[in-house]
Amino acid sequence: MNKANGYIDVYNTCRNQILNGEISSGERLPSIRELAKFRNVSMVTAQRAVAKLQQDGYIKSNGRHGCVVINEWMEPAKNRVSRHEE
């Protein structure tokens, strides 16, 4: 893994798990510490990946209770389809 882009690798892995339904809406994402250990990256790298997932609308933070997957990322596509059907 390229260390400079390590957070992108972690981000892509988590995002793909969300998109493929391996982690469903409402499920907790592994903690920063768990992600860092499992993906063999620093906690800062794991934090950057989680921050990007949150920024892109795949997860929301519950503060000290971790992050959960949300399905709001699917809403714009649903809205576009319904507008075309009208």
C-alpha atoms as a PDB file:
ATOM      1  CA  MET A   1       0.000   0.000   0.000  1.00  0.00           C
ATOM      2  CA  ASN A   2       1.271   3.452  -0.882  1.00  0.00           C
ATOM      3  CA  LYS A   3       1.703   5.222   2.460  1.00  0.00           C
ATOM      4  CA  ALA A   4       0.842   8.620   0.962  1.00  0.00           C
ATOM      5  CA  ASN A   5      -2.544   7.300  -0.197  1.00  0.00           C
ATOM      6  CA  GLY A   6      -3.170   4.841   2.624  1.00  0.00           C
ATOM      7  CA  TYR A   7      -6.306   6.624   3.752  1.00  0.00           C
ATOM      8  CA  ILE A   8      -7.731   6.328   0.220  1.00  0.00           C
ATOM      9  CA  ASP A   9      -7.224   2.552   0.361  1.00  0.00           C
ATOM     10  CA  VAL A  10      -9.009   2.344   3.716  1.00  0.00           C
ATOM     11  CA  TYR A  11     -11.742   4.686   2.459  1.00  0.00           C
ATOM     12  CA  ASN A  12     -12.268   2.629  -0.705  1.00  0.00           C
ATOM     13  CA  THR A  13     -12.404  -0.643   1.231  1.00  0.00           C
ATOM     14  CA  CYS A  14     -15.010   0.685   3.664  1.00  0.00           C
ATOM     15  CA  ARG A  15     -17.002   2.412   0.930  1.00  0.00           C
ATOM     16  CA  ASN A  16     -17.082  -0.778  -1.128  1.00  0.00           C
ATOM     17  CA  GLN A  17     -18.258  -2.761   1.901  1.00  0.00           C
ATOM     18  CA  ILE A  18     -21.071  -0.240   2.363  1.00  0.00           C
ATOM     19  CA  LEU A  19     -22.034  -0.221  -1.314  1.00  0.00           C
ATOM     20  CA  ASN A  20     -21.971  -4.025  -1.495  1.00  0.00           C
ATOM     21  CA  GLY A  21     -24.134  -4.349   1.611  1.00  0.00           C
ATOM     22  CA  GLU A  22     -21.421  -6.029   3.687  1.00  0.00           C
ATOM     23  CA  ILE A  23     -21.961  -3.220   6.207  1.00  0.00           C
ATOM     24  CA  SER A  24     -25.626  -2.217   6.164  1.00  0.00           C
ATOM     25  CA  SER A  25     -27.366   0.983   7.098  1.00  0.00           C
ATOM     26  CA  GLY A  26     -27.527   1.359  10.854  1.00  0.00           C
ATOM     27  CA  GLU A  27     -24.505  -0.871  11.475  1.00  0.00           C
ATOM     28  CA  ARG A  28     -21.504   0.480  13.307  1.00  0.00           C
ATOM     29  CA  LEU A  29     -18.261   0.947  11.450  1.00  0.00           C
ATOM     30  CA  PRO A  30     -15.225  -0.572  13.198  1.00  0.00           C
ATOM     31  CA  SER A  31     -13.502   1.893  15.516  1.00  0.00           C
ATOM     32  CA  ILE A  32     -10.567   3.980  14.320  1.00  0.00           C
ATOM     33  CA  ARG A  33      -8.272   1.766  16.365  1.00  0.00           C
ATOM     34  CA  GLU A  34      -9.724  -1.426  14.854  1.00  0.00           C
ATOM     35  CA  LEU A  35      -9.520  -0.051  11.311  1.00  0.00           C
ATOM     36  CA  ALA A  36      -5.912   1.025  11.845  1.00  0.00           C
ATOM     37  CA  LYS A  37      -4.929  -2.358  13.232  1.00  0.00           C
ATOM     38  CA  PHE A  38      -6.823  -4.402  10.630  1.00  0.00           C
ATOM     39  CA  ARG A  39      -5.588  -2.343   7.647  1.00  0.00           C
ATOM     40  CA  ASN A  40      -2.077  -1.961   9.117  1.00  0.00           C
ATOM     41  CA  VAL A  41      -2.102   1.841   8.995  1.00  0.00           C
ATOM     42  CA  SER A  42      -1.691   4.570  11.594  1.00  0.00           C
ATOM     43  CA  MET A  43      -4.659   5.827  13.569  1.00  0.00           C
ATOM     44  CA  VAL A  44      -4.270   9.203  11.829  1.00  0.00           C
ATOM     45  CA  THR A  45      -4.625   7.470   8.441  1.00  0.00           C
ATOM     46  CA  ALA A  46      -7.703   5.572   9.612  1.00  0.00           C
ATOM     47  CA  GLN A  47      -9.167   8.816  10.996  1.00  0.00           C
ATOM     48  CA  ARG A  48      -8.684  10.543   7.625  1.00  0.00           C
ATOM     49  CA  ALA A  49     -10.521   7.693   5.876  1.00  0.00           C
ATOM     50  CA  VAL A  50     -13.416   7.856   8.347  1.00  0.00           C
ATOM     51  CA  ALA A  51     -13.583  11.650   8.021  1.00  0.00           C
ATOM     52  CA  LYS A  52     -13.856  11.304   4.223  1.00  0.00           C
ATOM     53  CA  LEU A  53     -16.571   8.648   4.560  1.00  0.00           C
ATOM     54  CA  GLN A  54     -18.480  11.038   6.790  1.00  0.00           C
ATOM     55  CA  GLN A  55     -17.860  13.997   4.460  1.00  0.00           C
ATOM     56  CA  ASP A  56     -19.152  11.972   1.512  1.00  0.00           C
ATOM     57  CA  GLY A  57     -22.293  10.987   3.435  1.00  0.00           C
ATOM     58  CA  TYR A  58     -21.723   7.255   3.906  1.00  0.00           C
ATOM     59  CA  ILE A  59     -21.532   7.377   7.699  1.00  0.00           C
ATOM     60  CA  LYS A  60     -22.430   9.653  10.580  1.00  0.00           C
ATOM     61  CA  SER A  61     -20.618  10.043  13.843  1.00  0.00           C
ATOM     62  CA  ASN A  62     -22.310   9.254  17.132  1.00  0.00           C
ATOM     63  CA  GLY A  63     -19.551  10.933  19.083  1.00  0.00           C
ATOM     64  CA  ARG A  64     -17.864   8.549  21.473  1.00  0.00           C
ATOM     65  CA  HIS A  65     -20.222   5.771  20.408  1.00  0.00           C
ATOM     66  CA  GLY A  66     -18.559   5.398  17.013  1.00  0.00           C
ATOM     67  CA  CYS A  67     -19.829   5.849  13.490  1.00  0.00           C
ATOM     68  CA  VAL A  68     -22.814   4.229  11.854  1.00  0.00           C
ATOM     69  CA  VAL A  69     -23.559   3.647   8.196  1.00  0.00           C
ATOM     70  CA  ILE A  70     -26.407   5.733   6.824  1.00  0.00           C
ATOM     71  CA  ASN A  71     -28.309   5.244   3.625  1.00  0.00           C
ATOM     72  CA  GLU A  72     -28.644   8.941   2.754  1.00  0.00           C
ATOM     73  CA  TRP A  73     -26.002   8.492   0.046  1.00  0.00           C
ATOM     74  CA  MET A  74     -28.647   6.587  -1.936  1.00  0.00           C
ATOM     75  CA  GLU A  75     -31.318   9.300  -1.693  1.00  0.00           C
ATOM     76  CA  PRO A  76     -30.136  11.594  -4.536  1.00  0.00           C
ATOM     77  CA  ALA A  77     -30.253   8.684  -7.006  1.00  0.00           C
ATOM     78  CA  LYS A  78     -33.753   7.731  -5.826  1.00  0.00           C
ATOM     79  CA  ASN A  79     -34.915  11.331  -6.175  1.00  0.00           C
ATOM     80  CA  ARG A  80     -33.542  11.587  -9.717  1.00  0.00           C
ATOM     81  CA  VAL A  81     -35.370   8.430 -10.769  1.00  0.00           C
ATOM     82  CA  SER A  82     -38.669   9.584  -9.309  1.00  0.00           C
ATOM     83  CA  ARG A  83     -38.395  12.963 -11.080  1.00  0.00           C
ATOM     84  CA  HIS A  84     -37.910  11.275 -14.451  1.00  0.00           C
ATOM     85  CA  GLU A  85     -40.954   9.096 -13.907  1.00  0.00           C
ATOM     86  CA  GLU A  86     -43.230  12.157 -13.543  1.00  0.00           C
END
